[in-house]
Amino acid sequence: MPRIPIGIQLYTVRQDLDKDYTGTIRRLAEMGYQGIELANFGQLAATDLKALVDDLAIDVVGCHASLDQMKNDLESVLDYQEAIGNHRLILPHLSEEIQARGSQGYREVGEFLGETAQRIAPRGFSLSYHNHSFEFVPDGEGYYLDTLLEAGEKANVKSELDTYWVRHGGADPVDYIRKYSGRIELLHIKDMGEGEEKPFSEIGSGLLDWDSIFAAAEEAGVEWYLVEQDLCAGPPLESAKKSLEYLRSRGMLS
């Protein structure tokens, strides 16, 4: 079985990007990252970003976009993404207002994502939802996350599952990878350190069971692993390097 490629969500190194956008992406590629996921876009002209990733021989594998962008500026978003070679859009968060509406709010978002997924499919795009832990509130036989994803299932809305946030919400990442087998193109791999504060930590240094997670991901048809660390104790680029070194030690990349 071919190895699942490894990229990084650029939110991890957002401070470095603010100082040197192209230089930071170049450093990540030199470490061995095979792809990047954009937390936002527009810092570079599409032609310049495409030239950069082509020069580095890496892929843009996804991009986060807000509900407002999807509702009011979708065609421009798609045009930019097409120009940089990306065909995956992800909704990364929900407002507190939507969260407060409970089951109905999540269902309506899932339905909207389904409608949007159908609109963008003819242009070759997929659409995913990225979870945090606030979705893990019981709702029927599952959680709000399930309510959202079930509402978008017929339109093939996908899950960008985040291992840390699933665990933070009190669920098992392995169970959720299996539950949404075939619907997870991008898996955020993120570890959790020990302690009541449940700190973010480099991959392999925390509490998550990576043997089981990676085995489930292979069976579920995950297309990319994306390293992400929301907060880092030291320099974010060093954390990105440590996580990649752990994955390399497992034989997951050369």
C-alpha atoms as a PDB file:
ATOM      1  CA  MET A   1       0.000   0.000   0.000  1.00  0.00           C
ATOM      2  CA  PRO A   2       1.437   3.420  -0.946  1.00  0.00           C
ATOM      3  CA  ARG A   3       2.344   5.644   1.969  1.00  0.00           C
ATOM      4  CA  ILE A   4      -0.086   8.430   2.784  1.00  0.00           C
ATOM      5  CA  PRO A   5       1.723  11.738   2.117  1.00  0.00           C
ATOM      6  CA  ILE A   6       2.348  14.222   4.907  1.00  0.00           C
ATOM      7  CA  GLY A   7       1.595  17.928   4.800  1.00  0.00           C
ATOM      8  CA  ILE A   8       1.165  20.690   7.347  1.00  0.00           C
ATOM      9  CA  GLN A   9      -1.620  23.117   8.178  1.00  0.00           C
ATOM     10  CA  LEU A  10       0.051  26.520   7.925  1.00  0.00           C
ATOM     11  CA  TYR A  11      -1.820  27.831  10.976  1.00  0.00           C
ATOM     12  CA  THR A  12       0.930  26.058  12.939  1.00  0.00           C
ATOM     13  CA  VAL A  13       3.530  28.564  11.707  1.00  0.00           C
ATOM     14  CA  ARG A  14       1.333  31.640  11.325  1.00  0.00           C
ATOM     15  CA  GLN A  15       3.749  33.963  13.149  1.00  0.00           C
ATOM     16  CA  ASP A  16       6.589  32.894  10.875  1.00  0.00           C
ATOM     17  CA  LEU A  17       4.415  33.415   7.809  1.00  0.00           C
ATOM     18  CA  ASP A  18       3.713  36.974   8.932  1.00  0.00           C
ATOM     19  CA  LYS A  19       7.455  37.647   8.953  1.00  0.00           C
ATOM     20  CA  ASP A  20       8.483  35.727   5.832  1.00  0.00           C
ATOM     21  CA  TYR A  21       5.724  33.971   3.928  1.00  0.00           C
ATOM     22  CA  THR A  22       7.691  32.409   1.104  1.00  0.00           C
ATOM     23  CA  GLY A  23      10.743  31.680   3.240  1.00  0.00           C
ATOM     24  CA  THR A  24       8.659  29.814   5.809  1.00  0.00           C
ATOM     25  CA  ILE A  25       7.027  27.607   3.186  1.00  0.00           C
ATOM     26  CA  ARG A  26      10.456  26.947   1.719  1.00  0.00           C
ATOM     27  CA  ARG A  27      11.772  25.840   5.124  1.00  0.00           C
ATOM     28  CA  LEU A  28       8.844  23.462   5.580  1.00  0.00           C
ATOM     29  CA  ALA A  29       9.510  21.914   2.187  1.00  0.00           C
ATOM     30  CA  GLU A  30      13.193  21.543   3.037  1.00  0.00           C
ATOM     31  CA  MET A  31      12.226  19.670   6.221  1.00  0.00           C
ATOM     32  CA  GLY A  32      10.388  17.163   4.062  1.00  0.00           C
ATOM     33  CA  TYR A  33       6.755  18.236   4.154  1.00  0.00           C
ATOM     34  CA  GLN A  34       5.086  17.160   0.932  1.00  0.00           C
ATOM     35  CA  GLY A  35       2.139  19.525   0.998  1.00  0.00           C
ATOM     36  CA  ILE A  36       0.592  22.534   2.702  1.00  0.00           C
ATOM     37  CA  GLU A  37      -2.922  23.417   3.747  1.00  0.00           C
ATOM     38  CA  LEU A  38      -3.797  27.099   3.812  1.00  0.00           C
ATOM     39  CA  ALA A  39      -5.536  28.527   6.868  1.00  0.00           C
ATOM     40  CA  ASN A  40      -6.495  31.527   4.742  1.00  0.00           C
ATOM     41  CA  PHE A  41      -5.382  32.876   1.401  1.00  0.00           C
ATOM     42  CA  GLY A  42      -4.493  35.969  -0.543  1.00  0.00           C
ATOM     43  CA  GLN A  43      -1.133  36.769   1.049  1.00  0.00           C
ATOM     44  CA  LEU A  44       0.439  36.000  -2.323  1.00  0.00           C
ATOM     45  CA  ALA A  45      -0.971  36.395  -5.793  1.00  0.00           C
ATOM     46  CA  ALA A  46      -2.162  33.020  -7.041  1.00  0.00           C
ATOM     47  CA  THR A  47       0.454  32.963  -9.795  1.00  0.00           C
ATOM     48  CA  ASP A  48       3.247  33.623  -7.285  1.00  0.00           C
ATOM     49  CA  LEU A  49       2.066  30.928  -4.865  1.00  0.00           C
ATOM     50  CA  LYS A  50       1.709  28.409  -7.688  1.00  0.00           C
ATOM     51  CA  ALA A  51       5.211  29.208  -8.885  1.00  0.00           C
ATOM     52  CA  LEU A  52       6.555  28.747  -5.350  1.00  0.00           C
ATOM     53  CA  VAL A  53       4.964  25.356  -4.708  1.00  0.00           C
ATOM     54  CA  ASP A  54       5.921  24.146  -8.178  1.00  0.00           C
ATOM     55  CA  ASP A  55       9.522  25.177  -7.544  1.00  0.00           C
ATOM     56  CA  LEU A  56       9.493  23.325  -4.215  1.00  0.00           C
ATOM     57  CA  ALA A  57       7.682  20.286  -5.679  1.00  0.00           C
ATOM     58  CA  ILE A  58       4.982  20.372  -2.987  1.00  0.00           C
ATOM     59  CA  ASP A  59       1.203  20.483  -3.250  1.00  0.00           C
ATOM     60  CA  VAL A  60      -1.461  22.794  -1.910  1.00  0.00           C
ATOM     61  CA  VAL A  61      -3.818  20.124  -0.609  1.00  0.00           C
ATOM     62  CA  GLY A  62      -6.576  22.192   0.973  1.00  0.00           C
ATOM     63  CA  CYS A  63      -7.703  25.628   2.062  1.00  0.00           C
ATOM     64  CA  HIS A  64      -9.931  26.827   4.876  1.00  0.00           C
ATOM     65  CA  ALA A  65     -12.710  29.223   3.915  1.00  0.00           C
ATOM     66  CA  SER A  66     -15.357  30.882   6.072  1.00  0.00           C
ATOM     67  CA  LEU A  67     -19.112  30.591   5.803  1.00  0.00           C
ATOM     68  CA  ASP A  68     -19.202  34.232   4.731  1.00  0.00           C
ATOM     69  CA  GLN A  69     -16.763  33.555   1.890  1.00  0.00           C
ATOM     70  CA  MET A  70     -18.785  30.555   0.762  1.00  0.00           C
ATOM     71  CA  LYS A  71     -22.030  32.521   0.843  1.00  0.00           C
ATOM     72  CA  ASN A  72     -20.838  35.784  -0.681  1.00  0.00           C
ATOM     73  CA  ASP A  73     -17.623  35.247  -2.638  1.00  0.00           C
ATOM     74  CA  LEU A  74     -17.593  31.608  -3.688  1.00  0.00           C
ATOM     75  CA  GLU A  75     -16.609  32.046  -7.323  1.00  0.00           C
ATOM     76  CA  SER A  76     -13.610  34.210  -6.437  1.00  0.00           C
ATOM     77  CA  VAL A  77     -12.540  31.655  -3.844  1.00  0.00           C
ATOM     78  CA  LEU A  78     -12.740  28.858  -6.409  1.00  0.00           C
ATOM     79  CA  ASP A  79     -10.869  30.879  -9.025  1.00  0.00           C
ATOM     80  CA  TYR A  80      -7.952  31.466  -6.639  1.00  0.00           C
ATOM     81  CA  GLN A  81      -7.879  27.833  -5.539  1.00  0.00           C
ATOM     82  CA  GLU A  82      -7.932  26.547  -9.103  1.00  0.00           C
ATOM     83  CA  ALA A  83      -5.040  28.825  -9.973  1.00  0.00           C
ATOM     84  CA  ILE A  84      -2.871  27.382  -7.181  1.00  0.00           C
ATOM     85  CA  GLY A  85      -3.825  23.785  -7.958  1.00  0.00           C
ATOM     86  CA  ASN A  86      -6.042  23.145  -4.936  1.00  0.00           C
ATOM     87  CA  HIS A  87      -9.436  21.454  -5.173  1.00  0.00           C
ATOM     88  CA  ARG A  88     -10.383  20.973  -1.533  1.00  0.00           C
ATOM     89  CA  LEU A  89     -12.277  23.562   0.528  1.00  0.00           C
ATOM     90  CA  ILE A  90     -12.797  23.221   4.263  1.00  0.00           C
ATOM     91  CA  LEU A  91     -15.057  25.080   6.680  1.00  0.00           C
ATOM     92  CA  PRO A  92     -12.840  25.404   9.770  1.00  0.00           C
ATOM     93  CA  HIS A  93     -15.089  26.814  12.486  1.00  0.00           C
ATOM     94  CA  LEU A  94     -18.575  27.865  13.530  1.00  0.00           C
ATOM     95  CA  SER A  95     -19.558  31.093  15.233  1.00  0.00           C
ATOM     96  CA  GLU A  96     -20.786  31.066  18.821  1.00  0.00           C
ATOM     97  CA  GLU A  97     -24.156  32.209  17.498  1.00  0.00           C
ATOM     98  CA  ILE A  98     -24.509  29.063  15.404  1.00  0.00           C
ATOM     99  CA  GLN A  99     -23.232  26.878  18.230  1.00  0.00           C
ATOM    100  CA  ALA A 100     -25.833  28.357  20.577  1.00  0.00           C
ATOM    101  CA  ARG A 101     -28.639  27.273  18.245  1.00  0.00           C
ATOM    102  CA  GLY A 102     -27.869  23.657  18.997  1.00  0.00           C
ATOM    103  CA  SER A 103     -29.078  20.818  16.829  1.00  0.00           C
ATOM    104  CA  GLN A 104     -30.971  23.054  14.407  1.00  0.00           C
ATOM    105  CA  GLY A 105     -27.942  25.271  13.833  1.00  0.00           C
ATOM    106  CA  TYR A 106     -25.674  22.330  13.082  1.00  0.00           C
ATOM    107  CA  ARG A 107     -28.250  20.730  10.807  1.00  0.00           C
ATOM    108  CA  GLU A 108     -28.681  23.950   8.834  1.00  0.00           C
ATOM    109  CA  VAL A 109     -24.914  24.307   8.413  1.00  0.00           C
ATOM    110  CA  GLY A 110     -24.714  20.711   7.197  1.00  0.00           C
ATOM    111  CA  GLU A 111     -27.488  21.380   4.691  1.00  0.00           C
ATOM    112  CA  PHE A 112     -25.775  24.561   3.492  1.00  0.00           C
ATOM    113  CA  LEU A 113     -22.496  22.695   3.080  1.00  0.00           C
ATOM    114  CA  GLY A 114     -24.354  20.058   1.096  1.00  0.00           C
ATOM    115  CA  GLU A 115     -25.787  22.685  -1.239  1.00  0.00           C
ATOM    116  CA  THR A 116     -22.351  24.271  -1.604  1.00  0.00           C
ATOM    117  CA  ALA A 117     -20.698  20.912  -2.246  1.00  0.00           C
ATOM    118  CA  GLN A 118     -23.112  20.330  -5.115  1.00  0.00           C
ATOM    119  CA  ARG A 119     -22.350  23.777  -6.535  1.00  0.00           C
ATOM    120  CA  ILE A 120     -18.595  23.290  -6.516  1.00  0.00           C
ATOM    121  CA  ALA A 121     -18.457  19.635  -7.570  1.00  0.00           C
ATOM    122  CA  PRO A 122     -18.737  20.411 -11.321  1.00  0.00           C
ATOM    123  CA  ARG A 123     -15.479  22.365 -10.991  1.00  0.00           C
ATOM    124  CA  GLY A 124     -13.791  19.391  -9.346  1.00  0.00           C
ATOM    125  CA  PHE A 125     -13.904  20.618  -5.744  1.00  0.00           C
ATOM    126  CA  SER A 126     -14.714  18.741  -2.564  1.00  0.00           C
ATOM    127  CA  LEU A 127     -15.954  20.323   0.664  1.00  0.00           C
ATOM    128  CA  SER A 128     -15.139  19.240   4.223  1.00  0.00           C
ATOM    129  CA  TYR A 129     -15.923  20.353   7.751  1.00  0.00           C
ATOM    130  CA  HIS A 130     -13.118  20.673  10.320  1.00  0.00           C
ATOM    131  CA  ASN A 131     -14.137  19.888  13.879  1.00  0.00           C
ATOM    132  CA  HIS A 132     -13.070  21.261  17.227  1.00  0.00           C
ATOM    133  CA  SER A 133     -14.409  19.904  20.525  1.00  0.00           C
ATOM    134  CA  PHE A 134     -17.470  22.128  20.900  1.00  0.00           C
ATOM    135  CA  GLU A 135     -19.341  19.838  18.484  1.00  0.00           C
ATOM    136  CA  PHE A 136     -19.162  16.958  20.976  1.00  0.00           C
ATOM    137  CA  VAL A 137     -22.420  17.730  22.717  1.00  0.00           C
ATOM    138  CA  PRO A 138     -24.835  14.769  22.790  1.00  0.00           C
ATOM    139  CA  ASP A 139     -27.570  15.001  20.167  1.00  0.00           C
ATOM    140  CA  GLY A 140     -29.798  12.003  19.559  1.00  0.00           C
ATOM    141  CA  GLU A 141     -27.655   8.914  19.115  1.00  0.00           C
ATOM    142  CA  GLY A 142     -24.489  10.909  18.475  1.00  0.00           C
ATOM    143  CA  TYR A 143     -23.103  14.415  18.828  1.00  0.00           C
ATOM    144  CA  TYR A 144     -23.648  17.724  17.070  1.00  0.00           C
ATOM    145  CA  LEU A 145     -20.755  16.807  14.764  1.00  0.00           C
ATOM    146  CA  ASP A 146     -22.724  13.790  13.574  1.00  0.00           C
ATOM    147  CA  THR A 147     -25.827  15.929  13.088  1.00  0.00           C
ATOM    148  CA  LEU A 148     -23.897  18.272  10.793  1.00  0.00           C
ATOM    149  CA  LEU A 149     -22.202  15.523   8.807  1.00  0.00           C
ATOM    150  CA  GLU A 150     -25.394  13.493   8.440  1.00  0.00           C
ATOM    151  CA  ALA A 151     -27.186  16.569   7.061  1.00  0.00           C
ATOM    152  CA  GLY A 152     -24.519  16.887   4.376  1.00  0.00           C
ATOM    153  CA  GLU A 153     -24.018  13.195   3.661  1.00  0.00           C
ATOM    154  CA  LYS A 154     -26.142  12.912   0.515  1.00  0.00           C
ATOM    155  CA  ALA A 155     -24.138  15.731  -1.077  1.00  0.00           C
ATOM    156  CA  ASN A 156     -20.874  14.026  -0.067  1.00  0.00           C
ATOM    157  CA  VAL A 157     -19.787  16.620   2.486  1.00  0.00           C
ATOM    158  CA  LYS A 158     -16.598  15.274   4.000  1.00  0.00           C
ATOM    159  CA  SER A 159     -14.964  15.400   7.426  1.00  0.00           C
ATOM    160  CA  GLU A 160     -11.580  16.956   8.024  1.00  0.00           C
ATOM    161  CA  LEU A 161     -11.253  15.123  11.312  1.00  0.00           C
ATOM    162  CA  ASP A 162      -8.897  16.554  13.947  1.00  0.00           C
ATOM    163  CA  THR A 163      -7.494  13.890  16.269  1.00  0.00           C
ATOM    164  CA  TYR A 164      -6.725  16.246  19.168  1.00  0.00           C
ATOM    165  CA  TRP A 165     -10.126  17.894  19.194  1.00  0.00           C
ATOM    166  CA  VAL A 166     -11.977  14.579  19.004  1.00  0.00           C
ATOM    167  CA  ARG A 167     -10.062  13.414  22.089  1.00  0.00           C
ATOM    168  CA  HIS A 168     -10.586  16.814  23.749  1.00  0.00           C
ATOM    169  CA  GLY A 169     -14.323  16.399  23.208  1.00  0.00           C
ATOM    170  CA  GLY A 170     -14.295  13.077  25.040  1.00  0.00           C
ATOM    171  CA  ALA A 171     -14.543  10.774  22.022  1.00  0.00           C
ATOM    172  CA  ASP A 172     -12.090   8.309  20.469  1.00  0.00           C
ATOM    173  CA  PRO A 173     -10.321   9.466  17.278  1.00  0.00           C
ATOM    174  CA  VAL A 174     -10.047   5.866  16.064  1.00  0.00           C
ATOM    175  CA  ASP A 175     -13.790   5.330  16.412  1.00  0.00           C
ATOM    176  CA  TYR A 176     -14.493   8.512  14.470  1.00  0.00           C
ATOM    177  CA  ILE A 177     -12.037   7.688  11.704  1.00  0.00           C
ATOM    178  CA  ARG A 178     -13.792   4.355  11.294  1.00  0.00           C
ATOM    179  CA  LYS A 179     -17.246   5.916  11.514  1.00  0.00           C
ATOM    180  CA  TYR A 180     -16.524   8.293   8.649  1.00  0.00           C
ATOM    181  CA  SER A 181     -14.454   5.899   6.569  1.00  0.00           C
ATOM    182  CA  GLY A 182     -14.443   7.050   2.960  1.00  0.00           C
ATOM    183  CA  ARG A 183     -15.343  10.628   3.912  1.00  0.00           C
ATOM    184  CA  ILE A 184     -11.986  11.798   5.310  1.00  0.00           C
ATOM    185  CA  GLU A 185      -9.679  13.133   2.608  1.00  0.00           C
ATOM    186  CA  LEU A 186      -7.550  15.169   5.018  1.00  0.00           C
ATOM    187  CA  LEU A 187      -6.794  14.055   8.579  1.00  0.00           C
ATOM    188  CA  HIS A 188      -5.405  16.603  11.029  1.00  0.00           C
ATOM    189  CA  ILE A 189      -2.889  14.749  13.166  1.00  0.00           C
ATOM    190  CA  LYS A 190      -2.368  16.577  16.424  1.00  0.00           C
ATOM    191  CA  ASP A 191      -1.189  15.249  19.790  1.00  0.00           C
ATOM    192  CA  MET A 192      -2.298  16.045  23.339  1.00  0.00           C
ATOM    193  CA  GLY A 193       0.132  16.396  26.227  1.00  0.00           C
ATOM    194  CA  GLU A 194      -0.487  15.306  29.798  1.00  0.00           C
ATOM    195  CA  GLY A 195      -2.128  17.537  32.393  1.00  0.00           C
ATOM    196  CA  GLU A 196      -5.451  19.154  33.154  1.00  0.00           C
ATOM    197  CA  GLU A 197      -4.895  21.878  30.555  1.00  0.00           C
ATOM    198  CA  LYS A 198      -4.590  19.248  27.799  1.00  0.00           C
ATOM    199  CA  PRO A 199      -1.786  21.088  25.995  1.00  0.00           C
ATOM    200  CA  PHE A 200      -1.041  20.741  22.314  1.00  0.00           C
ATOM    201  CA  SER A 201       2.145  18.767  21.750  1.00  0.00           C
ATOM    202  CA  GLU A 202       4.362  17.477  18.971  1.00  0.00           C
ATOM    203  CA  ILE A 203       3.258  14.256  17.288  1.00  0.00           C
ATOM    204  CA  GLY A 204       4.470  11.234  19.237  1.00  0.00           C
ATOM    205  CA  SER A 205       5.154  13.118  22.470  1.00  0.00           C
ATOM    206  CA  GLY A 206       1.652  12.979  23.926  1.00  0.00           C
ATOM    207  CA  LEU A 207      -1.212  10.690  24.841  1.00  0.00           C
ATOM    208  CA  LEU A 208      -2.744   9.715  21.509  1.00  0.00           C
ATOM    209  CA  ASP A 209      -2.448   6.145  20.224  1.00  0.00           C
ATOM    210  CA  TRP A 210      -0.787   6.724  16.878  1.00  0.00           C
ATOM    211  CA  ASP A 211      -0.439   3.045  15.982  1.00  0.00           C
ATOM    212  CA  SER A 212      -4.222   2.661  16.091  1.00  0.00           C
ATOM    213  CA  ILE A 213      -4.912   6.052  14.502  1.00  0.00           C
ATOM    214  CA  PHE A 214      -2.667   5.425  11.505  1.00  0.00           C
ATOM    215  CA  ALA A 215      -3.975   1.880  11.030  1.00  0.00           C
ATOM    216  CA  ALA A 216      -7.556   3.154  11.024  1.00  0.00           C
ATOM    217  CA  ALA A 217      -6.656   6.008   8.670  1.00  0.00           C
ATOM    218  CA  GLU A 218      -5.189   3.631   6.103  1.00  0.00           C
ATOM    219  CA  GLU A 219      -8.308   1.468   6.214  1.00  0.00           C
ATOM    220  CA  ALA A 220     -10.547   4.559   5.944  1.00  0.00           C
ATOM    221  CA  GLY A 221      -8.931   5.822   2.742  1.00  0.00           C
ATOM    222  CA  VAL A 222      -7.387   8.993   4.174  1.00  0.00           C
ATOM    223  CA  GLU A 223      -5.535  10.809   1.379  1.00  0.00           C
ATOM    224  CA  TRP A 224      -3.294  13.176   3.375  1.00  0.00           C
ATOM    225  CA  TYR A 225      -2.010  13.504   6.919  1.00  0.00           C
ATOM    226  CA  LEU A 226      -1.757  17.140   7.978  1.00  0.00           C
ATOM    227  CA  VAL A 227       0.367  18.041  10.985  1.00  0.00           C
ATOM    228  CA  GLU A 228      -1.095  20.868  13.027  1.00  0.00           C
ATOM    229  CA  GLN A 229      -0.172  22.332  16.398  1.00  0.00           C
ATOM    230  CA  ASP A 230      -2.284  25.290  17.472  1.00  0.00           C
ATOM    231  CA  LEU A 231       0.126  26.466  20.186  1.00  0.00           C
ATOM    232  CA  CYS A 232       3.796  25.578  20.574  1.00  0.00           C
ATOM    233  CA  ALA A 233       5.951  25.859  23.700  1.00  0.00           C
ATOM    234  CA  GLY A 234       8.954  26.856  21.590  1.00  0.00           C
ATOM    235  CA  PRO A 235       9.488  28.085  18.020  1.00  0.00           C
ATOM    236  CA  PRO A 236       6.685  26.702  15.823  1.00  0.00           C
ATOM    237  CA  LEU A 237       9.094  25.672  13.078  1.00  0.00           C
ATOM    238  CA  GLU A 238      10.956  23.548  15.620  1.00  0.00           C
ATOM    239  CA  SER A 239       7.699  21.888  16.642  1.00  0.00           C
ATOM    240  CA  ALA A 240       6.899  21.229  12.987  1.00  0.00           C
ATOM    241  CA  LYS A 241      10.331  19.654  12.578  1.00  0.00           C
ATOM    242  CA  LYS A 242       9.966  17.457  15.683  1.00  0.00           C
ATOM    243  CA  SER A 243       6.598  16.145  14.540  1.00  0.00           C
ATOM    244  CA  LEU A 244       7.977  15.333  11.110  1.00  0.00           C
ATOM    245  CA  GLU A 245      11.017  13.610  12.608  1.00  0.00           C
ATOM    246  CA  TYR A 246       8.702  11.362  14.619  1.00  0.00           C
ATOM    247  CA  LEU A 247       6.751  10.455  11.495  1.00  0.00           C
ATOM    248  CA  ARG A 248       9.990   9.796   9.659  1.00  0.00           C
ATOM    249  CA  SER A 249      11.140   7.533  12.492  1.00  0.00           C
ATOM    250  CA  ARG A 250       8.019   5.453  11.857  1.00  0.00           C
ATOM    251  CA  GLY A 251       8.996   5.009   8.225  1.00  0.00           C
ATOM    252  CA  MET A 252       6.155   7.186   6.997  1.00  0.00           C
ATOM    253  CA  LEU A 253       8.390   9.258   4.740  1.00  0.00           C
ATOM    254  CA  SER A 254      11.969   9.046   3.543  1.00  0.00           C
END
